[in-house]
N, C-alpha and C. Protein backbone atom coordinates (compact mmCIF):
# COMPACT_ATOMS: atom_id res chain seq x y z
N ALA A 1 181.46 103.99 74.82
CA ALA A 1 180.27 103.88 74.45
C ALA A 1 179.63 105.41 74.95
N ALA A 2 179.91 105.95 76.00
CA ALA A 2 179.27 107.29 76.34
C ALA A 2 179.83 108.41 75.47
N ALA A 3 181.10 108.37 74.99
CA ALA A 3 181.47 109.42 73.96
C ALA A 3 180.80 109.36 72.74
N LEU A 4 180.40 108.02 72.21
CA LEU A 4 179.62 107.76 71.08
C LEU A 4 178.27 108.33 71.17
N ARG A 5 177.66 107.86 72.31
CA ARG A 5 176.27 108.32 72.44
C ARG A 5 176.23 109.97 72.60
N ARG A 6 177.20 110.50 73.20
CA ARG A 6 177.35 112.07 73.13
C ARG A 6 177.26 112.60 71.61
N MET A 7 178.11 111.95 70.81
CA MET A 7 178.53 112.49 69.50
C MET A 7 176.93 112.18 68.60
N LEU A 8 176.30 111.14 68.93
CA LEU A 8 175.18 110.83 68.21
C LEU A 8 173.97 111.66 68.58
N GLU A 9 174.12 112.42 69.72
CA GLU A 9 173.15 113.32 70.22
C GLU A 9 173.13 114.56 69.01
N ALA A 10 174.21 114.91 68.58
CA ALA A 10 174.30 115.93 67.41
C ALA A 10 173.30 115.68 66.30
N VAL A 11 172.95 114.48 66.00
CA VAL A 11 171.94 114.13 64.96
C VAL A 11 170.72 114.57 65.33
N THR A 12 170.24 114.71 66.47
CA THR A 12 168.97 115.30 66.84
C THR A 12 168.83 116.60 67.40
N THR A 13 170.03 117.21 67.50
CA THR A 13 170.02 118.60 68.22
C THR A 13 170.64 119.79 67.40
N VAL A 14 171.52 119.38 66.49
CA VAL A 14 172.17 120.46 65.71
C VAL A 14 171.25 120.78 64.62
N GLU A 15 171.08 122.32 64.33
CA GLU A 15 170.17 122.63 63.43
C GLU A 15 170.44 122.07 61.92
N ASP A 16 169.54 121.75 61.29
CA ASP A 16 169.58 121.20 59.86
C ASP A 16 170.05 119.83 59.92
N ALA A 17 170.34 119.13 61.15
CA ALA A 17 170.77 117.85 60.93
C ALA A 17 169.77 116.89 60.53
N THR A 18 170.07 115.61 60.13
CA THR A 18 169.21 114.82 59.51
C THR A 18 168.10 114.10 60.42
N GLY A 19 168.49 114.15 61.73
CA GLY A 19 167.45 113.46 62.68
C GLY A 19 166.76 114.55 63.67
N VAL A 20 166.80 115.71 63.18
CA VAL A 20 166.14 116.78 64.28
C VAL A 20 164.68 116.30 64.52
N GLU A 21 163.92 115.79 63.55
CA GLU A 21 162.62 115.50 63.82
C GLU A 21 162.37 114.39 64.52
N ALA A 22 163.49 113.64 64.94
CA ALA A 22 163.31 112.55 66.11
C ALA A 22 163.57 112.93 67.32
N ALA A 23 163.85 114.10 67.57
CA ALA A 23 164.07 114.70 69.00
C ALA A 23 162.59 114.47 69.84
N VAL A 24 162.97 114.06 71.20
CA VAL A 24 161.70 113.80 71.99
C VAL A 24 161.72 115.15 73.04
N PRO A 25 160.85 115.88 73.03
CA PRO A 25 160.81 117.15 73.80
C PRO A 25 161.17 116.72 75.49
N GLY A 26 162.02 117.27 76.08
CA GLY A 26 162.32 116.99 77.52
C GLY A 26 163.34 115.98 77.56
N TYR A 27 163.64 115.37 76.47
CA TYR A 27 164.60 114.26 76.85
C TYR A 27 165.71 114.37 75.76
N ARG A 28 166.90 113.60 76.28
CA ARG A 28 168.16 113.68 75.36
C ARG A 28 168.03 112.43 74.53
N VAL A 29 168.23 112.56 73.18
CA VAL A 29 168.04 111.45 72.30
C VAL A 29 169.19 111.30 71.34
N ALA A 30 169.90 110.14 71.32
CA ALA A 30 171.03 109.89 70.60
C ALA A 30 170.51 108.91 69.40
N GLY A 31 171.09 109.18 68.22
CA GLY A 31 170.47 108.22 67.02
C GLY A 31 171.45 108.60 65.70
N LYS A 32 170.94 107.66 64.61
CA LYS A 32 171.68 107.79 63.55
C LYS A 32 170.52 107.62 62.39
N THR A 33 170.49 108.47 61.38
CA THR A 33 169.70 108.36 60.28
C THR A 33 170.61 107.44 59.16
N GLY A 34 169.88 106.72 58.36
CA GLY A 34 170.29 105.94 57.30
C GLY A 34 169.77 105.94 56.03
N THR A 35 170.15 105.64 54.75
CA THR A 35 169.60 105.58 53.69
C THR A 35 170.13 104.35 52.86
N GLY A 36 169.25 103.53 52.23
CA GLY A 36 169.69 102.39 51.43
C GLY A 36 168.68 102.13 50.39
N PHE A 37 168.87 100.86 49.80
CA PHE A 37 167.98 100.63 48.68
C PHE A 37 167.48 99.11 49.07
N ARG A 38 166.44 98.81 48.31
CA ARG A 38 165.86 97.63 48.34
C ARG A 38 166.05 96.85 47.03
N LEU A 39 166.39 95.43 47.24
CA LEU A 39 166.38 94.53 46.07
C LEU A 39 165.50 93.42 46.20
N VAL A 40 164.83 93.21 45.06
CA VAL A 40 163.89 92.05 44.88
C VAL A 40 164.53 91.08 43.76
N ASN A 41 164.78 89.74 44.08
CA ASN A 41 165.29 89.09 43.27
C ASN A 41 166.70 89.65 42.67
N GLY A 42 167.31 90.42 43.26
CA GLY A 42 168.68 90.75 42.85
C GLY A 42 168.52 92.00 42.11
N VAL A 43 167.38 92.74 41.89
CA VAL A 43 167.00 93.80 41.15
C VAL A 43 166.77 94.86 42.08
N ARG A 44 167.62 96.02 41.99
CA ARG A 44 167.34 97.39 42.64
C ARG A 44 165.91 97.82 42.43
N GLN A 45 165.14 98.09 43.44
CA GLN A 45 163.82 98.82 43.42
C GLN A 45 163.83 100.33 43.28
N PRO A 46 162.70 101.05 42.82
CA PRO A 46 162.84 102.26 42.95
C PRO A 46 162.64 102.82 44.17
N GLY A 47 163.17 103.99 44.54
CA GLY A 47 162.98 104.65 45.81
C GLY A 47 164.31 104.38 46.79
N GLU A 48 163.89 104.42 48.00
CA GLU A 48 164.92 104.22 48.99
C GLU A 48 164.40 103.46 50.24
N VAL A 49 165.32 103.15 51.07
CA VAL A 49 164.84 102.59 52.54
C VAL A 49 165.44 103.67 53.45
N ALA A 50 164.56 104.38 54.11
CA ALA A 50 165.25 105.31 55.18
C ALA A 50 165.13 104.78 56.56
N SER A 51 166.04 105.15 57.26
CA SER A 51 166.06 104.51 58.74
C SER A 51 166.41 105.60 59.62
N PHE A 52 165.92 105.33 60.95
CA PHE A 52 166.57 105.87 62.17
C PHE A 52 166.58 105.12 63.25
N ILE A 53 167.61 104.81 63.84
CA ILE A 53 167.86 104.01 65.10
C ILE A 53 168.30 104.95 66.25
N GLY A 54 167.56 105.07 67.16
CA GLY A 54 167.99 105.83 68.43
C GLY A 54 167.86 105.18 69.68
N MET A 55 168.32 105.98 70.67
CA MET A 55 168.29 105.59 72.01
C MET A 55 167.79 106.66 72.91
N ALA A 56 167.07 106.38 74.01
CA ALA A 56 167.02 107.45 74.92
C ALA A 56 166.69 106.96 76.41
N PRO A 57 166.84 107.71 77.29
CA PRO A 57 167.57 108.90 77.41
C PRO A 57 169.16 108.70 77.11
N ALA A 58 169.59 109.58 76.25
CA ALA A 58 170.95 109.46 75.70
C ALA A 58 172.03 109.22 76.85
N GLU A 59 171.77 110.01 78.09
CA GLU A 59 172.62 109.82 79.20
C GLU A 59 172.65 108.57 79.76
N LYS A 60 171.80 107.83 79.76
CA LYS A 60 171.57 106.55 80.54
C LYS A 60 170.42 105.68 79.64
N PRO A 61 170.83 105.25 78.55
CA PRO A 61 169.60 104.79 77.71
C PRO A 61 168.92 103.53 78.28
N ARG A 62 167.54 103.63 78.27
CA ARG A 62 166.66 102.74 78.59
C ARG A 62 165.98 101.93 77.46
N TYR A 63 165.68 102.67 76.42
CA TYR A 63 165.11 102.13 75.16
C TYR A 63 165.90 102.38 73.99
N VAL A 64 166.02 101.33 72.93
CA VAL A 64 166.45 101.41 71.68
C VAL A 64 165.39 101.13 70.62
N ILE A 65 165.05 101.96 69.54
CA ILE A 65 164.02 101.76 68.74
C ILE A 65 164.71 101.99 67.30
N ALA A 66 164.43 101.02 66.47
CA ALA A 66 164.80 101.06 65.11
C ALA A 66 163.63 101.14 64.11
N VAL A 67 163.68 102.35 63.29
CA VAL A 67 162.61 102.33 62.27
C VAL A 67 163.02 102.26 60.88
N PHE A 68 162.56 101.46 59.92
CA PHE A 68 162.95 101.47 58.64
C PHE A 68 161.72 101.65 57.81
N VAL A 69 161.87 102.59 56.86
CA VAL A 69 160.76 102.90 55.93
C VAL A 69 161.11 102.80 54.53
N TYR A 70 160.41 101.89 53.64
CA TYR A 70 160.57 101.78 52.33
C TYR A 70 159.68 102.83 51.58
N ASP A 71 160.32 103.66 50.82
CA ASP A 71 159.53 104.66 50.15
C ASP A 71 159.70 104.68 48.56
N PRO A 72 158.94 104.33 47.73
CA PRO A 72 159.30 104.13 46.29
C PRO A 72 159.32 105.70 45.88
N GLN A 73 159.09 106.66 46.44
CA GLN A 73 159.39 108.20 45.95
C GLN A 73 160.59 108.84 46.69
N ALA A 74 161.30 107.98 47.53
CA ALA A 74 162.65 108.21 47.95
C ALA A 74 162.44 109.41 49.09
N ALA A 75 161.30 109.47 49.86
CA ALA A 75 161.09 110.54 50.83
C ALA A 75 160.68 110.03 52.15
N GLY A 76 161.30 108.96 52.71
CA GLY A 76 161.01 108.17 53.88
C GLY A 76 161.72 108.90 55.04
N ARG A 77 162.75 109.48 55.16
CA ARG A 77 163.31 109.85 56.17
C ARG A 77 162.56 110.65 57.07
N PRO A 78 161.50 111.68 56.74
CA PRO A 78 160.76 112.38 57.83
C PRO A 78 159.81 111.34 58.41
N VAL A 79 159.41 110.35 57.56
CA VAL A 79 158.47 109.35 58.17
C VAL A 79 159.29 108.40 59.19
N ALA A 80 160.45 107.99 59.04
CA ALA A 80 161.23 107.31 59.94
C ALA A 80 161.57 108.13 61.19
N THR A 81 161.98 109.40 61.12
CA THR A 81 162.28 110.07 62.24
C THR A 81 161.16 110.51 63.03
N GLN A 82 160.00 110.98 62.35
CA GLN A 82 158.86 111.29 63.16
C GLN A 82 158.16 110.04 63.90
N SER A 83 158.29 108.83 63.20
CA SER A 83 157.58 107.66 63.78
C SER A 83 158.53 107.28 64.94
N PHE A 84 159.89 107.39 64.90
CA PHE A 84 160.83 107.14 66.03
C PHE A 84 160.25 108.16 67.17
N ARG A 85 160.06 109.28 66.90
CA ARG A 85 159.92 110.34 67.92
C ARG A 85 158.50 109.86 68.84
N ASP A 86 157.54 109.39 67.95
CA ASP A 86 156.29 109.18 68.52
C ASP A 86 156.28 107.82 69.41
N MET A 87 156.96 106.85 68.77
CA MET A 87 157.07 105.60 69.70
C MET A 87 157.89 105.86 70.92
N MET A 88 159.17 106.61 70.86
CA MET A 88 159.99 106.73 71.93
C MET A 88 159.29 107.64 72.97
N SER A 89 158.51 108.59 72.48
CA SER A 89 157.72 109.54 73.42
C SER A 89 156.91 108.47 74.17
N PHE A 90 156.06 107.67 73.66
CA PHE A 90 155.20 106.73 74.23
C PHE A 90 155.93 106.09 75.11
N ALA A 91 157.12 105.22 74.72
CA ALA A 91 157.78 104.47 75.57
C ALA A 91 158.27 105.01 76.94
N LEU A 92 158.67 106.15 76.71
CA LEU A 92 159.37 106.96 78.04
C LEU A 92 158.38 107.19 78.90
N ARG A 93 157.17 107.88 78.40
CA ARG A 93 156.22 108.55 79.31
C ARG A 93 155.50 107.18 79.91
N HIS A 94 155.11 106.19 79.10
CA HIS A 94 154.61 104.88 79.59
C HIS A 94 155.21 104.36 80.69
N SER A 95 156.51 104.30 80.74
CA SER A 95 157.36 103.77 81.63
C SER A 95 157.89 104.88 82.81
N ARG A 96 157.29 106.00 82.68
CA ARG A 96 157.48 106.90 83.70
C ARG A 96 159.10 107.35 83.74
N VAL A 97 159.87 107.40 82.62
CA VAL A 97 161.07 107.81 82.75
C VAL A 97 161.33 109.15 82.81
N PRO A 98 161.89 109.56 83.96
CA PRO A 98 161.96 111.11 84.12
C PRO A 98 162.78 111.68 83.00
N PRO A 99 162.30 113.18 82.72
CA PRO A 99 162.88 114.00 81.65
C PRO A 99 164.34 114.22 82.04
N ALA A 100 165.06 114.55 81.05
CA ALA A 100 166.60 114.72 81.04
C ALA A 100 166.94 115.66 82.23
N GLY A 101 168.03 115.39 82.99
CA GLY A 101 168.43 116.28 84.09
C GLY A 101 169.08 117.60 83.68
N GLY A 102 169.56 117.67 82.30
CA GLY A 102 170.16 118.78 81.92
C GLY A 102 170.17 118.93 80.58
N PRO A 103 170.48 120.14 79.84
CA PRO A 103 170.47 120.18 78.43
C PRO A 103 171.32 119.24 77.72
N ALA A 104 171.14 118.87 76.32
CA ALA A 104 172.07 118.16 75.61
C ALA A 104 173.36 119.04 75.42
N PRO A 105 174.54 118.26 75.02
CA PRO A 105 175.65 118.92 74.86
C PRO A 105 175.56 119.88 73.58
N LYS A 106 176.37 121.12 73.65
CA LYS A 106 176.30 121.92 72.55
C LYS A 106 177.37 121.38 71.58
N PHE A 107 177.21 121.39 70.35
CA PHE A 107 178.03 120.96 69.24
C PHE A 107 178.59 122.05 68.39
N VAL A 108 179.74 122.14 68.08
CA VAL A 108 180.21 123.00 66.99
C VAL A 108 180.44 122.31 65.72
N VAL A 109 179.69 122.44 64.76
CA VAL A 109 179.73 121.80 63.48
C VAL A 109 180.39 122.71 62.44
N PHE A 110 181.39 122.19 61.82
CA PHE A 110 182.07 122.86 60.67
C PHE A 110 181.48 122.62 59.41
N PRO A 111 181.33 123.60 58.55
CA PRO A 111 180.78 123.41 57.02
C PRO A 111 181.61 122.07 56.40
N GLY A 112 180.95 121.38 55.62
CA GLY A 112 181.55 120.35 55.00
C GLY A 112 182.05 120.66 53.69
């Protein structure tokens, strides 16, 4: 579990990663973006369902938040990641969870 949390931190820390907007300043965040579609009576609807599911602090999680956004224009990912960031920021500060004791791990990402 610790190794997976560490890998999922790349989603919020690596430049141009899909979840960079979900990062919470001062905290280590691990998470995963997702994209799906919506069916109504078995018929696919226009657009997409974007999601971000994450946890913080990544080194010893206290909270998990899942955000799902249906957007008929297929542009929901920024809404999901930014909403996660705002909710997680509130939860951590409201509960007085101390900021990260150190920086997030550095990742080497190879071009795909």
